Amino acid sequence: MVVHLAKSKSSEADNISQCSSVYHPERACSSQSGEDGSSGNVRKPSYMAHGLASASPLIGLPEVSHLGWGHWFTLRDLEMATNRFSADNVLGEGGYGVVYKGRLINGTNVAVKKLLNNLGQAEREFRVEVEAIGHVRHKNLVRLLGYCVEGIHRMLVYEYVNNGNLEQWLHGAMRQHGSLSWESRMKVILGTAKAYVAPEYANTGMLNEKSDIYSFGVLLLESITGRDPVDYGRPASEVNLVEWLKVMVGTRRAEEVVDPSLEVRPATRALKRSLLIALRCVDPDSQKRPKMSQVVRMLEADEFPIREDRRNRNSRTASMEGLESMK
């Protein structure tokens, strides 16, 4: 999952308050997916009518669409934009594929999402997904500008945000600019959670919410610890972030999981709340994971947010009990 930060540079908090794109490893169609495959009649695009994108980023570009909706880019267009998908242009990658920085012929900077797990996806199915994504309007999501459907390729083209993404701030090149504060990390997390429950998404029926909840929980754990979800450079017992954290919390060592690069550590209460939310999200039993609307309420609550229902009280884990011991 890659979460891009917004364009505002007024302050760290402002940057995060409009955290933008969410990339889902499990299901790329949920917030951004893409690659091409083609056929169908060439029609005039309807991206202006549908509000897919404002006119300004697309001025001077060809006005054709293989799907009859959105702005269609050819494979050649995106090869030129990304310097043939150069490794130097990679913004992020995961199970979904790779995201590249690109520059269109009209000078517009974009993020090109090239999916690896949707190769050869049926055009009709891809059209449904693109329409669902393109109609979403939410301050916490990057705007979709267009797509590419050519041969086996499926790609989506998004507006480019220049403040990096959460992965880069936690694990990559942006760390050289300093550590992201606890408050900023939690603001990204809250913005991401709100994007997950945007009504436009819920109405499409395209999301596997329980899978997305798990991914969100992992993202929250990354933000707390500053660690990668899987890191083979660590001792065997620490390779898997989720399992390592459960052990640490279960043995009452939760305070030790906080990212050591944080200049100001979170209050114990804030840490406990964040860990509890994350652990509920990564529960191995998908039926016990909260809904994203519940996650948003828990993140926004001033009081301790977790109220377990009767079904879950009988299956309390050592990690949950370890958290209760935190003062």
Protein backbone atom coordinates (compact mmCIF):
# COMPACT_ATOMS: atom_id res chain seq x y z
CA MET A 1 0.00 0.00 0.00
CA VAL A 2 1.44 3.36 -0.99
CA VAL A 3 -0.01 6.52 0.48
CA HIS A 4 0.98 9.78 -1.20
CA LEU A 5 1.09 13.03 0.71
CA ALA A 6 -0.69 16.07 -0.63
CA LYS A 7 0.73 19.06 -2.43
CA SER A 8 0.45 21.67 0.33
CA LYS A 9 3.79 22.68 1.79
CA SER A 10 2.53 25.14 4.37
CA SER A 11 3.29 22.79 7.24
CA GLU A 12 3.86 19.14 7.91
CA ALA A 13 0.38 18.80 9.38
CA ASP A 14 -1.24 20.54 6.41
CA ASN A 15 0.61 18.27 4.02
CA ILE A 16 -0.82 15.22 5.67
CA SER A 17 -4.32 16.57 6.16
CA GLN A 18 -4.96 16.00 2.48
CA CYS A 19 -3.10 12.73 2.23
CA SER A 20 -3.85 11.47 -1.17
CA SER A 21 -3.53 8.22 -2.92
CA VAL A 22 -4.05 4.80 -1.48
CA TYR A 23 -2.71 1.79 -3.36
CA HIS A 24 -4.10 -1.59 -2.34
CA PRO A 25 -1.90 -4.64 -2.81
CA GLU A 26 -4.84 -7.05 -2.58
CA ARG A 27 -7.18 -5.33 -4.96
CA ALA A 28 -5.83 -2.62 -7.18
CA CYS A 29 -9.30 -1.64 -8.32
CA SER A 30 -10.16 -0.21 -4.93
CA SER A 31 -8.40 3.10 -5.13
CA GLN A 32 -5.96 2.98 -7.98
CA SER A 33 -5.19 0.18 -10.36
CA GLY A 34 -4.30 -0.21 -13.89
CA GLU A 35 -2.84 -1.35 -17.16
CA ASP A 36 -3.97 -1.66 -20.73
CA GLY A 37 -5.63 -4.00 -23.15
CA SER A 38 -7.65 -2.69 -26.13
CA SER A 39 -10.41 -2.89 -28.70
CA GLY A 40 -13.76 -1.30 -29.17
CA ASN A 41 -14.88 1.70 -31.13
CA VAL A 42 -12.96 4.92 -30.89
CA ARG A 43 -15.18 7.64 -29.48
CA LYS A 44 -14.86 11.15 -28.23
CA PRO A 45 -13.95 11.11 -24.53
CA SER A 46 -16.47 11.96 -21.89
CA TYR A 47 -14.03 12.78 -19.14
CA MET A 48 -15.25 16.36 -19.03
CA ALA A 49 -18.87 15.32 -18.70
CA HIS A 50 -18.04 12.76 -16.04
CA GLY A 51 -15.70 15.10 -14.19
CA LEU A 52 -12.85 12.61 -14.46
CA ALA A 53 -10.31 15.41 -14.50
CA SER A 54 -10.19 19.14 -14.91
CA ALA A 55 -9.20 20.33 -18.37
CA SER A 56 -5.89 21.90 -17.38
CA PRO A 57 -3.71 18.79 -16.92
CA LEU A 58 -4.90 17.35 -20.23
CA ILE A 59 -4.67 20.36 -22.55
CA GLY A 60 -2.97 19.46 -25.81
CA LEU A 61 -3.39 15.70 -25.44
CA PRO A 62 -5.26 13.45 -27.90
CA GLU A 63 -9.00 13.33 -27.26
CA VAL A 64 -9.81 9.70 -27.91
CA SER A 65 -11.00 6.88 -25.69
CA HIS A 66 -11.19 3.18 -26.41
CA LEU A 67 -13.66 2.72 -23.60
CA GLY A 68 -15.86 5.67 -24.40
CA TRP A 69 -15.04 7.15 -21.00
CA GLY A 70 -12.07 8.92 -19.54
CA HIS A 71 -8.83 10.03 -21.17
CA TRP A 72 -7.11 7.27 -23.08
CA PHE A 73 -3.32 7.16 -23.27
CA THR A 74 -1.44 4.86 -25.63
CA LEU A 75 1.34 2.63 -24.41
CA ARG A 76 3.70 4.79 -26.44
CA ASP A 77 2.44 7.93 -24.65
CA LEU A 78 3.28 6.46 -21.27
CA GLU A 79 6.59 4.96 -22.39
CA MET A 80 7.65 8.43 -23.49
CA ALA A 81 6.33 9.99 -20.29
CA THR A 82 8.24 7.60 -18.03
CA ASN A 83 11.43 7.25 -20.10
CA ARG A 84 10.38 3.71 -21.04
CA PHE A 85 9.37 2.94 -17.47
CA SER A 86 12.85 3.66 -16.21
CA ALA A 87 13.84 2.38 -12.79
CA ASP A 88 14.91 5.94 -12.00
CA ASN A 89 11.27 7.00 -12.29
CA VAL A 90 9.86 4.48 -9.81
CA LEU A 91 7.80 6.12 -7.05
CA GLY A 92 6.66 2.94 -5.34
CA GLU A 93 5.93 -0.72 -5.88
CA GLY A 94 4.15 -3.63 -4.29
CA GLY A 95 2.06 -6.68 -5.03
CA TYR A 96 -0.20 -4.57 -7.25
CA GLY A 97 2.61 -3.48 -9.59
CA VAL A 98 4.77 -0.40 -9.96
CA VAL A 99 4.07 3.34 -9.89
CA TYR A 100 6.24 5.60 -12.05
CA LYS A 101 6.66 9.33 -12.20
CA GLY A 102 6.00 10.62 -15.71
CA ARG A 103 5.83 13.83 -17.70
CA LEU A 104 3.22 14.14 -20.44
CA ILE A 105 3.91 15.85 -23.76
CA ASN A 106 2.11 18.95 -22.48
CA GLY A 107 4.45 19.19 -19.48
CA THR A 108 2.07 17.78 -16.87
CA ASN A 109 3.70 15.60 -14.21
CA VAL A 110 1.77 12.40 -13.51
CA ALA A 111 1.99 9.14 -11.59
CA VAL A 112 1.55 6.12 -13.85
CA LYS A 113 0.34 2.98 -12.11
CA LYS A 114 1.35 -0.09 -14.07
CA LEU A 115 -0.41 -3.14 -12.70
CA LEU A 116 1.24 -6.51 -12.77
CA ASN A 117 -1.64 -8.61 -11.47
CA ASN A 118 -4.23 -7.36 -13.96
CA LEU A 119 -2.39 -8.21 -17.17
CA GLY A 120 -4.85 -9.12 -19.89
CA GLN A 121 -7.87 -8.24 -17.77
CA ALA A 122 -11.03 -8.20 -19.89
CA GLU A 123 -11.74 -4.76 -21.31
CA ARG A 124 -15.32 -4.77 -20.08
CA GLU A 125 -14.27 -5.55 -16.51
CA PHE A 126 -11.53 -2.95 -16.66
CA ARG A 127 -14.03 -0.37 -17.88
CA VAL A 128 -16.23 -0.98 -14.84
CA GLU A 129 -13.26 -0.54 -12.52
CA VAL A 130 -12.03 2.62 -14.24
CA GLU A 131 -15.49 4.17 -14.09
CA ALA A 132 -15.75 3.38 -10.37
CA ILE A 133 -12.36 4.91 -9.64
CA GLY A 134 -12.78 7.91 -11.91
CA HIS A 135 -16.04 9.01 -10.35
CA VAL A 136 -14.57 9.15 -6.85
CA ARG A 137 -14.07 12.64 -5.48
CA HIS A 138 -12.45 12.74 -2.08
CA LYS A 139 -9.90 15.11 -0.58
CA ASN A 140 -7.84 12.16 0.64
CA LEU A 141 -7.45 10.58 -2.78
CA VAL A 142 -5.28 11.44 -5.74
CA ARG A 143 -7.28 12.39 -8.83
CA LEU A 144 -7.47 9.97 -11.75
CA LEU A 145 -6.59 11.63 -15.07
CA GLY A 146 -6.86 8.70 -17.45
CA TYR A 147 -5.91 5.15 -18.32
CA CYS A 148 -4.17 2.94 -20.85
CA VAL A 149 -5.67 -0.21 -22.37
CA GLU A 150 -3.41 -1.77 -24.97
CA GLY A 151 -2.71 -5.43 -25.61
CA ILE A 152 -2.25 -7.11 -22.25
CA HIS A 153 -1.37 -3.85 -20.51
CA ARG A 154 -3.55 -2.12 -17.93
CA MET A 155 -2.41 1.21 -16.49
CA LEU A 156 -3.94 4.17 -14.72
CA VAL A 157 -2.65 7.73 -14.83
CA TYR A 158 -3.01 9.93 -11.74
CA GLU A 159 -2.12 13.47 -10.84
CA TYR A 160 1.34 13.68 -9.35
CA VAL A 161 1.81 14.86 -5.79
CA ASN A 162 5.28 16.08 -4.97
CA ASN A 163 5.59 15.52 -1.24
CA GLY A 164 6.49 11.87 -1.54
CA ASN A 165 4.53 9.01 -0.06
CA LEU A 166 4.35 7.46 3.35
CA GLU A 167 6.61 4.58 2.34
CA GLN A 168 9.29 7.03 1.23
CA TRP A 169 9.00 9.01 4.47
CA LEU A 170 9.17 5.88 6.63
CA HIS A 171 11.59 3.70 4.68
CA GLY A 172 13.01 5.57 1.70
CA ALA A 173 14.58 8.67 0.23
CA MET A 174 12.41 11.20 2.08
CA ARG A 175 13.94 10.16 5.42
CA GLN A 176 16.88 12.44 4.62
CA HIS A 177 14.54 15.38 5.16
CA GLY A 178 13.84 14.28 8.73
CA SER A 179 11.54 11.91 10.55
CA LEU A 180 7.78 12.29 10.13
CA SER A 181 6.31 13.21 13.52
CA TRP A 182 3.81 11.02 15.35
CA GLU A 183 1.06 13.59 14.83
CA SER A 184 1.71 13.72 11.10
CA ARG A 185 1.73 9.94 10.80
CA MET A 186 -1.59 9.70 12.58
CA LYS A 187 -3.02 12.43 10.37
CA VAL A 188 -2.04 10.42 7.29
CA ILE A 189 -3.62 7.34 8.84
CA LEU A 190 -6.88 9.15 9.60
CA GLY A 191 -7.04 10.67 6.13
CA THR A 192 -6.42 7.26 4.60
CA ALA A 193 -9.16 5.70 6.72
CA LYS A 194 -11.61 8.38 5.61
CA ALA A 195 -10.71 7.74 1.99
CA TYR A 196 -11.49 4.07 2.42
CA VAL A 197 -15.05 4.87 3.46
CA ALA A 198 -15.76 7.48 0.81
CA PRO A 199 -19.42 6.87 -0.18
CA GLU A 200 -18.43 6.60 -3.83
CA TYR A 201 -16.33 3.56 -3.03
CA ALA A 202 -18.92 1.90 -0.88
CA ASN A 203 -21.54 2.31 -3.59
CA THR A 204 -19.47 0.60 -6.28
CA GLY A 205 -19.29 -2.71 -4.47
CA MET A 206 -15.76 -3.07 -5.81
CA LEU A 207 -14.01 -3.37 -2.46
CA ASN A 208 -13.18 -6.43 -0.42
CA GLU A 209 -13.42 -4.38 2.75
CA LYS A 210 -12.13 -6.97 5.18
CA SER A 211 -8.99 -7.47 3.11
CA ASP A 212 -8.53 -3.73 2.90
CA ILE A 213 -8.93 -3.48 6.67
CA TYR A 214 -6.01 -5.87 7.11
CA SER A 215 -3.85 -3.80 4.74
CA PHE A 216 -4.80 -0.67 6.63
CA GLY A 217 -3.77 -2.31 9.90
CA VAL A 218 -0.37 -3.14 8.43
CA LEU A 219 -0.02 0.46 7.25
CA LEU A 220 -0.80 1.69 10.76
CA LEU A 221 1.82 -0.66 12.21
CA GLU A 222 4.37 0.65 9.71
CA SER A 223 3.59 4.19 10.84
CA ILE A 224 4.01 3.25 14.50
CA THR A 225 7.21 1.26 14.13
CA GLY A 226 8.90 2.69 11.04
CA ARG A 227 9.47 -0.89 9.88
CA ASP A 228 8.71 -2.63 6.62
CA PRO A 229 5.93 -5.26 6.68
CA VAL A 230 8.51 -7.91 5.78
CA ASP A 231 12.21 -7.30 6.37
CA TYR A 232 14.59 -10.20 5.76
CA GLY A 233 17.47 -8.10 7.02
CA ARG A 234 16.21 -8.57 10.58
CA PRO A 235 16.48 -11.63 12.86
CA ALA A 236 14.09 -14.46 11.96
CA SER A 237 11.73 -13.60 14.82
CA GLU A 238 11.39 -10.03 13.53
CA VAL A 239 11.03 -10.59 9.78
CA ASN A 240 7.22 -10.40 9.79
CA LEU A 241 6.07 -7.08 11.25
CA VAL A 242 2.62 -8.24 12.34
CA GLU A 243 3.83 -11.38 14.10
CA TRP A 244 6.77 -9.60 15.73
CA LEU A 245 4.53 -6.86 17.05
CA LYS A 246 2.03 -9.33 18.48
CA VAL A 247 4.85 -11.00 20.39
CA MET A 248 6.21 -7.69 21.65
CA VAL A 249 2.81 -6.53 22.85
CA GLY A 250 1.95 -9.95 24.29
CA THR A 251 5.14 -9.89 26.37
CA ARG A 252 4.35 -6.37 27.59
CA ARG A 253 7.08 -4.69 25.55
CA ALA A 254 4.76 -2.47 23.52
CA GLU A 255 6.70 0.69 24.37
CA GLU A 256 9.71 -0.78 22.55
CA VAL A 257 8.00 -1.00 19.15
CA VAL A 258 7.89 2.77 18.54
CA ASP A 259 10.01 4.04 15.66
CA PRO A 260 13.33 5.10 17.28
CA SER A 261 13.72 7.90 14.72
CA LEU A 262 10.77 9.81 16.21
CA GLU A 263 12.06 12.98 17.84
CA VAL A 264 9.06 13.09 20.19
CA ARG A 265 7.57 9.82 21.35
CA PRO A 266 3.78 9.48 21.48
CA ALA A 267 1.97 9.52 24.79
CA THR A 268 1.35 6.05 26.18
CA ARG A 269 -2.39 6.49 25.76
CA ALA A 270 -2.03 7.46 22.09
CA LEU A 271 0.32 4.54 21.44
CA LYS A 272 -2.00 2.09 23.18
CA ARG A 273 -4.98 3.28 21.15
CA SER A 274 -3.10 3.05 17.85
CA LEU A 275 -1.80 -0.43 18.61
CA LEU A 276 -5.23 -1.67 19.64
CA ILE A 277 -6.77 -0.38 16.43
CA ALA A 278 -4.00 -1.94 14.36
CA LEU A 279 -4.27 -5.30 16.11
CA ARG A 280 -8.01 -5.42 15.55
CA CYS A 281 -7.48 -4.63 11.87
CA VAL A 282 -4.98 -7.49 11.42
CA ASP A 283 -7.02 -10.05 13.33
CA PRO A 284 -6.54 -13.39 11.50
CA ASP A 285 -10.31 -13.91 11.68
CA SER A 286 -11.63 -11.48 9.07
CA GLN A 287 -15.08 -11.45 10.68
CA LYS A 288 -13.63 -9.91 13.83
CA ARG A 289 -12.00 -7.01 12.02
CA PRO A 290 -13.79 -3.67 12.43
CA LYS A 291 -15.47 -1.80 9.62
CA MET A 292 -13.53 1.17 8.28
CA SER A 293 -16.21 3.53 9.55
CA GLN A 294 -15.51 2.15 13.04
CA VAL A 295 -11.78 2.65 12.52
CA VAL A 296 -12.35 6.30 11.64
CA ARG A 297 -14.41 6.82 14.80
CA MET A 298 -11.74 5.13 16.91
CA LEU A 299 -8.98 7.25 15.41
CA GLU A 300 -10.94 10.45 16.00
CA ALA A 301 -12.11 9.58 19.52
CA ASP A 302 -10.53 11.38 22.47
CA GLU A 303 -11.54 8.63 24.84
CA PHE A 304 -10.22 5.10 24.72
CA PRO A 305 -11.88 3.77 21.57
CA ILE A 306 -12.07 0.01 21.84
CA ARG A 307 -15.27 -1.62 23.00
CA GLU A 308 -15.21 -5.32 22.34
CA ASP A 309 -18.42 -7.14 21.60
CA ARG A 310 -19.35 -10.31 23.44
CA ARG A 311 -18.20 -12.57 20.62
CA ASN A 312 -14.66 -11.28 20.88
CA ARG A 313 -14.30 -11.24 24.66
CA ASN A 314 -13.98 -15.00 24.83
CA SER A 315 -11.16 -15.05 22.29
CA ARG A 316 -8.89 -12.41 23.78
CA THR A 317 -5.28 -12.71 22.68
CA ALA A 318 -2.13 -12.28 24.71
CA SER A 319 -1.36 -9.16 22.70
CA MET A 320 -4.66 -7.54 23.69
CA GLU A 321 -4.06 -8.38 27.34
CA GLY A 322 -0.53 -7.04 27.04
CA LEU A 323 -1.89 -3.71 25.88
CA GLU A 324 -4.28 -3.53 28.81
CA SER A 325 -1.27 -3.61 31.11
CA MET A 326 0.07 -0.36 29.64
CA LYS A 327 -0.30 2.56 32.04
